Structure formats: structure tokens, C-alpha cells
Amino acid sequence: MTIERGEIYFVNLNPVQGKEQAGKRPVLVLSIDAINQLPLVVTVIVGTKSTNIKRDYATNVIVSPAESGLPLETVFLCFQIRSLDRNRFSDRSVGKLSPSKMLEVEETIRYCLGL
């Protein structure tokens, strides 16, 4: 299976602890393709339905269905960075972000991490 940077997958994030996002969620692949081709973990950020977010925070990126391939407007929580085993991923992605939207995600991650 090929996993590429910018692709979106539905992944079961359980088990979790505390305030981590739980259950089957959309995740956006952040790790570079050179790493994604190796038998390593895949680094992602977690998404949630926009109706779950009460305010617009500088740590979030809102993505429309047209931009993501997801059925609903989704908020990617750029402070919720996780590395996941490849076995959590389905055989194909549900969508892929454009380079311009990925740039917005990258800028938001830099903000979240103070880079």
C-alpha cells in the first residue's frame, strides 16, 4: 500500500487517553513520501467535524468537502499530531489536499510547534 503526504484516510484512533481524539476519524498524512515508503510509522494530524468545534482557533485548519473529498466540512487539529502504525490505514485514501491547502496546514503546524 502506498501512503502519500497530503492524503486523507479514515483511521480508528482507539485506544486513546485523556483529551486525545478517539474513534474512527479522518487523518491527514504529514510525513514525507520518502518516510511513508519505509516500513515505519506515518505521521498525521487528526480531523473532526466542524460542528464539534465551537470557536475558530489559530491551531485549526478548516477544510471544505470540495477541498478534502470528505462528506462534511472538517477541521484538522494541527496540535493533534500523531504517528500511527501503517496497519491502521485502509487500502486507499478518501481524498488529498491541494498544495495550497497543505501550505496552510504547514504554516499552522509551525505556529503550534513554535517553529
C-alpha atoms as a PDB file:
ATOM      1  CA  MET A   1       0.000   0.000   0.000  1.00  0.00           C
ATOM      2  CA  THR A   2       1.247   3.469  -0.917  1.00  0.00           C
ATOM      3  CA  ILE A   3       0.565   6.310   1.510  1.00  0.00           C
ATOM      4  CA  GLU A   4       1.356   9.848   0.324  1.00  0.00           C
ATOM      5  CA  ARG A   5       1.782  13.192   2.040  1.00  0.00           C
ATOM      6  CA  GLY A   6      -1.420  15.238   1.835  1.00  0.00           C
ATOM      7  CA  GLU A   7      -3.731  12.233   1.581  1.00  0.00           C
ATOM      8  CA  ILE A   8      -6.675  11.808   3.945  1.00  0.00           C
ATOM      9  CA  TYR A   9      -7.687   8.458   5.440  1.00  0.00           C
ATOM     10  CA  PHE A  10     -10.296   7.311   7.938  1.00  0.00           C
ATOM     11  CA  VAL A  11      -8.423   5.636  10.783  1.00  0.00           C
ATOM     12  CA  ASN A  12      -9.520   4.090  14.080  1.00  0.00           C
ATOM     13  CA  LEU A  13      -7.540   6.008  16.720  1.00  0.00           C
ATOM     14  CA  ASN A  14      -8.505   3.832  19.681  1.00  0.00           C
ATOM     15  CA  PRO A  15      -7.158   3.209  22.245  1.00  0.00           C
ATOM     16  CA  VAL A  16      -6.637   6.762  23.443  1.00  0.00           C
ATOM     17  CA  GLN A  17      -6.140   8.553  26.729  1.00  0.00           C
ATOM     18  CA  GLY A  18      -7.393  11.848  28.110  1.00  0.00           C
ATOM     19  CA  LYS A  19      -8.131  14.567  25.553  1.00  0.00           C
ATOM     20  CA  GLU A  20      -6.822  12.658  22.518  1.00  0.00           C
ATOM     21  CA  GLN A  21      -9.301  12.342  19.649  1.00  0.00           C
ATOM     22  CA  ALA A  22     -10.932   8.905  19.756  1.00  0.00           C
ATOM     23  CA  GLY A  23     -12.725   6.566  17.390  1.00  0.00           C
ATOM     24  CA  LYS A  24     -12.762   6.492  13.612  1.00  0.00           C
ATOM     25  CA  ARG A  25     -11.525   9.879  12.396  1.00  0.00           C
ATOM     26  CA  PRO A  26     -10.137  11.451   9.261  1.00  0.00           C
ATOM     27  CA  VAL A  27      -6.383  11.940   9.439  1.00  0.00           C
ATOM     28  CA  LEU A  28      -4.159  13.981   7.139  1.00  0.00           C
ATOM     29  CA  VAL A  29      -0.765  12.497   6.282  1.00  0.00           C
ATOM     30  CA  LEU A  30       2.096  14.873   7.163  1.00  0.00           C
ATOM     31  CA  SER A  31       5.176  12.681   6.882  1.00  0.00           C
ATOM     32  CA  ILE A  32       7.163  12.979   3.665  1.00  0.00           C
ATOM     33  CA  ASP A  33       6.806  10.336   0.978  1.00  0.00           C
ATOM     34  CA  ALA A  34      10.389   9.105   1.484  1.00  0.00           C
ATOM     35  CA  ILE A  35       9.420   8.102   5.044  1.00  0.00           C
ATOM     36  CA  ASN A  36       5.971   6.857   4.025  1.00  0.00           C
ATOM     37  CA  GLN A  37       7.608   4.350   1.659  1.00  0.00           C
ATOM     38  CA  LEU A  38       9.569   2.770   4.515  1.00  0.00           C
ATOM     39  CA  PRO A  39       8.163   0.231   6.979  1.00  0.00           C
ATOM     40  CA  LEU A  40       7.881   2.925   9.659  1.00  0.00           C
ATOM     41  CA  VAL A  41       5.046   4.818  11.287  1.00  0.00           C
ATOM     42  CA  VAL A  42       3.108   7.519   9.417  1.00  0.00           C
ATOM     43  CA  THR A  43       2.817  10.983  10.969  1.00  0.00           C
ATOM     44  CA  VAL A  44      -0.633  12.577  10.744  1.00  0.00           C
ATOM     45  CA  ILE A  45      -2.864  15.273  12.157  1.00  0.00           C
ATOM     46  CA  VAL A  46      -6.353  14.414  13.302  1.00  0.00           C
ATOM     47  CA  GLY A  47      -9.571  15.849  11.913  1.00  0.00           C
ATOM     48  CA  THR A  48     -13.039  16.292  13.357  1.00  0.00           C
ATOM     49  CA  LYS A  49     -16.423  17.531  12.108  1.00  0.00           C
ATOM     50  CA  SER A  50     -16.556  21.309  12.083  1.00  0.00           C
ATOM     51  CA  THR A  51     -19.755  21.172  14.162  1.00  0.00           C
ATOM     52  CA  ASN A  52     -17.646  19.762  17.032  1.00  0.00           C
ATOM     53  CA  ILE A  53     -15.570  22.958  17.180  1.00  0.00           C
ATOM     54  CA  LYS A  54     -17.259  25.859  18.956  1.00  0.00           C
ATOM     55  CA  ARG A  55     -14.666  28.543  18.027  1.00  0.00           C
ATOM     56  CA  ASP A  56     -12.166  29.116  15.272  1.00  0.00           C
ATOM     57  CA  TYR A  57      -8.690  28.700  16.800  1.00  0.00           C
ATOM     58  CA  ALA A  58      -5.352  29.596  15.215  1.00  0.00           C
ATOM     59  CA  THR A  59      -4.373  25.939  15.746  1.00  0.00           C
ATOM     60  CA  ASN A  60      -7.017  24.613  13.343  1.00  0.00           C
ATOM     61  CA  VAL A  61      -7.428  24.421   9.566  1.00  0.00           C
ATOM     62  CA  ILE A  62     -10.969  24.229   8.180  1.00  0.00           C
ATOM     63  CA  VAL A  63     -11.355  22.171   5.005  1.00  0.00           C
ATOM     64  CA  SER A  64     -14.478  22.026   2.843  1.00  0.00           C
ATOM     65  CA  PRO A  65     -15.773  18.771   1.309  1.00  0.00           C
ATOM     66  CA  ALA A  66     -14.679  20.031  -2.127  1.00  0.00           C
ATOM     67  CA  GLU A  67     -11.108  20.503  -0.838  1.00  0.00           C
ATOM     68  CA  SER A  68     -10.871  17.180   1.005  1.00  0.00           C
ATOM     69  CA  GLY A  69     -13.105  14.527  -0.524  1.00  0.00           C
ATOM     70  CA  LEU A  70     -14.713  14.106   2.901  1.00  0.00           C
ATOM     71  CA  PRO A  71     -18.516  14.184   3.236  1.00  0.00           C
ATOM     72  CA  LEU A  72     -18.551  17.064   5.758  1.00  0.00           C
ATOM     73  CA  GLU A  73     -16.650  20.245   6.480  1.00  0.00           C
ATOM     74  CA  THR A  74     -13.699  19.091   8.563  1.00  0.00           C
ATOM     75  CA  VAL A  75     -11.366  20.836  10.975  1.00  0.00           C
ATOM     76  CA  PHE A  76      -7.828  19.490  11.109  1.00  0.00           C
ATOM     77  CA  LEU A  77      -6.434  19.973  14.597  1.00  0.00           C
ATOM     78  CA  CYS A  78      -2.815  20.884  13.894  1.00  0.00           C
ATOM     79  CA  PHE A  79      -1.859  20.486  17.557  1.00  0.00           C
ATOM     80  CA  GLN A  80      -3.041  16.832  17.471  1.00  0.00           C
ATOM     81  CA  ILE A  81      -0.005  15.332  15.743  1.00  0.00           C
ATOM     82  CA  ARG A  82       0.311  11.556  15.975  1.00  0.00           C
ATOM     83  CA  SER A  83       2.470   8.828  14.493  1.00  0.00           C
ATOM     84  CA  LEU A  84       0.465   5.740  13.558  1.00  0.00           C
ATOM     85  CA  ASP A  85       1.324   2.223  12.518  1.00  0.00           C
ATOM     86  CA  ARG A  86       0.646   1.568   8.831  1.00  0.00           C
ATOM     87  CA  ASN A  87      -1.751  -1.243   9.778  1.00  0.00           C
ATOM     88  CA  ARG A  88      -4.282   1.347  10.968  1.00  0.00           C
ATOM     89  CA  PHE A  89      -4.711   2.656   7.388  1.00  0.00           C
ATOM     90  CA  SER A  90      -7.235   1.381   4.847  1.00  0.00           C
ATOM     91  CA  ASP A  91      -6.140   0.423   1.350  1.00  0.00           C
ATOM     92  CA  ARG A  92      -6.991   3.788  -0.162  1.00  0.00           C
ATOM     93  CA  SER A  93      -7.387   7.393   0.785  1.00  0.00           C
ATOM     94  CA  VAL A  94     -10.672   9.290   0.760  1.00  0.00           C
ATOM     95  CA  GLY A  95      -9.077  12.453  -0.575  1.00  0.00           C
ATOM     96  CA  LYS A  96      -5.995  14.602  -0.926  1.00  0.00           C
ATOM     97  CA  LEU A  97      -5.410  18.262  -0.115  1.00  0.00           C
ATOM     98  CA  SER A  98      -4.154  20.696  -2.727  1.00  0.00           C
ATOM     99  CA  PRO A  99      -0.619  22.072  -2.381  1.00  0.00           C
ATOM    100  CA  SER A 100      -2.039  25.479  -1.348  1.00  0.00           C
ATOM    101  CA  LYS A 101      -4.165  23.940   1.428  1.00  0.00           C
ATOM    102  CA  MET A 102      -1.178  21.846   2.578  1.00  0.00           C
ATOM    103  CA  LEU A 103       0.813  25.084   2.814  1.00  0.00           C
ATOM    104  CA  GLU A 104      -1.856  26.464   5.160  1.00  0.00           C
ATOM    105  CA  VAL A 105      -1.615  23.267   7.251  1.00  0.00           C
ATOM    106  CA  GLU A 106       2.189  23.523   7.342  1.00  0.00           C
ATOM    107  CA  GLU A 107       2.055  27.161   8.488  1.00  0.00           C
ATOM    108  CA  THR A 108      -0.423  26.257  11.219  1.00  0.00           C
ATOM    109  CA  ILE A 109       1.728  23.361  12.424  1.00  0.00           C
ATOM    110  CA  ARG A 110       4.743  25.674  12.586  1.00  0.00           C
ATOM    111  CA  TYR A 111       2.631  28.030  14.721  1.00  0.00           C
ATOM    112  CA  CYS A 112       1.563  25.169  17.014  1.00  0.00           C
ATOM    113  CA  LEU A 113       5.122  23.944  17.474  1.00  0.00           C
ATOM    114  CA  GLY A 114       6.754  27.362  17.686  1.00  0.00           C
ATOM    115  CA  LEU A 115       8.918  26.778  14.594  1.00  0.00           C
END
